[in-house]
Amino acid sequence: TITFNVVCSDTRRNAGLTLNWNHGFSLYDTATREYVWRYKFSNLRGSSDDGKSKLKLHFYDPESKTIETKVSVICVKYP
């Protein structure tokens, strides 16, 4: 399994954004130690970034049948 983790924050919390080859995307709240959301790669409908620190991920939610935008501000940069 290939996993990539970054320390980040969204508008409400400090978190960890995980990209896992088998499980997809997830956002983990470091204070509560709980997952805020999880999506499969197949649910990703689009993404964008500002080239510096902001990442927007757009996922299809099969329960509500809508596109949800999840915003993560990546705080840690790796060379």
C-alpha atoms as a PDB file:
ATOM      1  CA  THR A   1       0.000   0.000   0.000  1.00  0.00           C
ATOM      2  CA  ILE A   2       1.297   3.439  -0.934  1.00  0.00           C
ATOM      3  CA  THR A   3       0.332   6.218   1.487  1.00  0.00           C
ATOM      4  CA  PHE A   4       1.196   9.921   1.388  1.00  0.00           C
ATOM      5  CA  ASN A   5       0.496  12.126   4.436  1.00  0.00           C
ATOM      6  CA  VAL A   6       0.726  15.904   4.816  1.00  0.00           C
ATOM      7  CA  VAL A   7       0.115  18.135   7.809  1.00  0.00           C
ATOM      8  CA  CYS A   8      -2.544  20.685   6.953  1.00  0.00           C
ATOM      9  CA  SER A   9      -5.518  22.615   8.228  1.00  0.00           C
ATOM     10  CA  ASP A  10      -8.916  23.305   6.817  1.00  0.00           C
ATOM     11  CA  THR A  11     -11.012  26.272   7.860  1.00  0.00           C
ATOM     12  CA  ARG A  12     -11.857  24.719  11.230  1.00  0.00           C
ATOM     13  CA  ARG A  13      -9.086  22.443  12.443  1.00  0.00           C
ATOM     14  CA  ASN A  14      -5.499  21.236  12.317  1.00  0.00           C
ATOM     15  CA  ALA A  15      -5.489  18.006  10.411  1.00  0.00           C
ATOM     16  CA  GLY A  16      -3.663  15.431   8.383  1.00  0.00           C
ATOM     17  CA  LEU A  17      -4.529  14.811   4.753  1.00  0.00           C
ATOM     18  CA  THR A  18      -3.890  11.236   3.641  1.00  0.00           C
ATOM     19  CA  LEU A  19      -3.774   9.857   0.119  1.00  0.00           C
ATOM     20  CA  ASN A  20      -3.815   6.077   0.227  1.00  0.00           C
ATOM     21  CA  TRP A  21      -3.558   4.008  -2.939  1.00  0.00           C
ATOM     22  CA  ASN A  22      -6.181   1.492  -1.697  1.00  0.00           C
ATOM     23  CA  HIS A  23      -8.514   3.747   0.311  1.00  0.00           C
ATOM     24  CA  GLY A  24      -8.387   7.142  -1.408  1.00  0.00           C
ATOM     25  CA  PHE A  25      -8.460  10.521   0.347  1.00  0.00           C
ATOM     26  CA  SER A  26      -9.110  11.187   4.033  1.00  0.00           C
ATOM     27  CA  LEU A  27      -8.855  14.129   6.415  1.00  0.00           C
ATOM     28  CA  TYR A  28      -7.920  13.309  10.020  1.00  0.00           C
ATOM     29  CA  ASP A  29      -8.584  15.800  12.842  1.00  0.00           C
ATOM     30  CA  THR A  30      -5.456  15.790  15.019  1.00  0.00           C
ATOM     31  CA  ALA A  31      -7.262  17.181  18.096  1.00  0.00           C
ATOM     32  CA  THR A  32     -10.172  14.716  18.204  1.00  0.00           C
ATOM     33  CA  ARG A  33      -8.220  11.887  16.541  1.00  0.00           C
ATOM     34  CA  GLU A  34     -11.156  11.153  14.259  1.00  0.00           C
ATOM     35  CA  TYR A  35     -11.635  11.155  10.521  1.00  0.00           C
ATOM     36  CA  VAL A  36     -13.541  14.213   9.291  1.00  0.00           C
ATOM     37  CA  TRP A  37     -14.192  12.751   5.849  1.00  0.00           C
ATOM     38  CA  ARG A  38     -13.106   9.963   3.506  1.00  0.00           C
ATOM     39  CA  TYR A  39     -13.572   9.545  -0.240  1.00  0.00           C
ATOM     40  CA  LYS A  40     -12.507   6.939  -2.767  1.00  0.00           C
ATOM     41  CA  PHE A  41     -10.360   8.055  -5.691  1.00  0.00           C
ATOM     42  CA  SER A  42     -13.337   7.312  -7.947  1.00  0.00           C
ATOM     43  CA  ASN A  43     -15.333  10.035  -6.143  1.00  0.00           C
ATOM     44  CA  LEU A  44     -12.812  12.774  -7.011  1.00  0.00           C
ATOM     45  CA  ARG A  45     -14.390  15.028  -9.649  1.00  0.00           C
ATOM     46  CA  GLY A  46     -11.740  17.737  -9.792  1.00  0.00           C
ATOM     47  CA  SER A  47      -8.994  19.578  -7.961  1.00  0.00           C
ATOM     48  CA  SER A  48      -7.202  22.901  -8.051  1.00  0.00           C
ATOM     49  CA  ASP A  49      -4.443  24.686  -6.180  1.00  0.00           C
ATOM     50  CA  ASP A  50      -2.838  28.107  -5.950  1.00  0.00           C
ATOM     51  CA  GLY A  51       0.685  26.794  -6.522  1.00  0.00           C
ATOM     52  CA  LYS A  52       1.686  27.676  -2.964  1.00  0.00           C
ATOM     53  CA  SER A  53      -0.355  26.275  -0.094  1.00  0.00           C
ATOM     54  CA  LYS A  54      -4.063  25.926  -0.924  1.00  0.00           C
ATOM     55  CA  LEU A  55      -5.601  22.781  -2.334  1.00  0.00           C
ATOM     56  CA  LYS A  56      -9.262  22.320  -3.279  1.00  0.00           C
ATOM     57  CA  LEU A  57     -10.656  18.848  -3.809  1.00  0.00           C
ATOM     58  CA  HIS A  58     -14.093  18.330  -5.368  1.00  0.00           C
ATOM     59  CA  PHE A  59     -15.755  15.006  -4.538  1.00  0.00           C
ATOM     60  CA  TYR A  60     -19.009  13.384  -5.597  1.00  0.00           C
ATOM     61  CA  ASP A  61     -21.065  12.360  -2.550  1.00  0.00           C
ATOM     62  CA  PRO A  62     -23.117   9.294  -3.533  1.00  0.00           C
ATOM     63  CA  GLU A  63     -25.512   9.720  -0.585  1.00  0.00           C
ATOM     64  CA  SER A  64     -26.532  13.309  -1.351  1.00  0.00           C
ATOM     65  CA  LYS A  65     -25.745  12.987  -5.093  1.00  0.00           C
ATOM     66  CA  THR A  66     -23.951  16.335  -5.018  1.00  0.00           C
ATOM     67  CA  ILE A  67     -20.417  17.592  -5.577  1.00  0.00           C
ATOM     68  CA  GLU A  68     -18.755  18.681  -2.325  1.00  0.00           C
ATOM     69  CA  THR A  69     -15.691  20.907  -2.195  1.00  0.00           C
ATOM     70  CA  LYS A  70     -13.151  20.130   0.499  1.00  0.00           C
ATOM     71  CA  VAL A  71     -10.483  22.751   1.106  1.00  0.00           C
ATOM     72  CA  SER A  72      -7.175  21.966   2.769  1.00  0.00           C
ATOM     73  CA  VAL A  73      -4.411  24.468   3.415  1.00  0.00           C
ATOM     74  CA  ILE A  74      -1.163  22.566   3.400  1.00  0.00           C
ATOM     75  CA  CYS A  75       1.126  23.886   6.116  1.00  0.00           C
ATOM     76  CA  VAL A  76       4.192  21.701   5.676  1.00  0.00           C
ATOM     77  CA  LYS A  77       6.221  21.785   2.478  1.00  0.00           C
ATOM     78  CA  TYR A  78       8.742  19.135   1.594  1.00  0.00           C
ATOM     79  CA  PRO A  79      11.719  19.853  -0.667  1.00  0.00           C
END
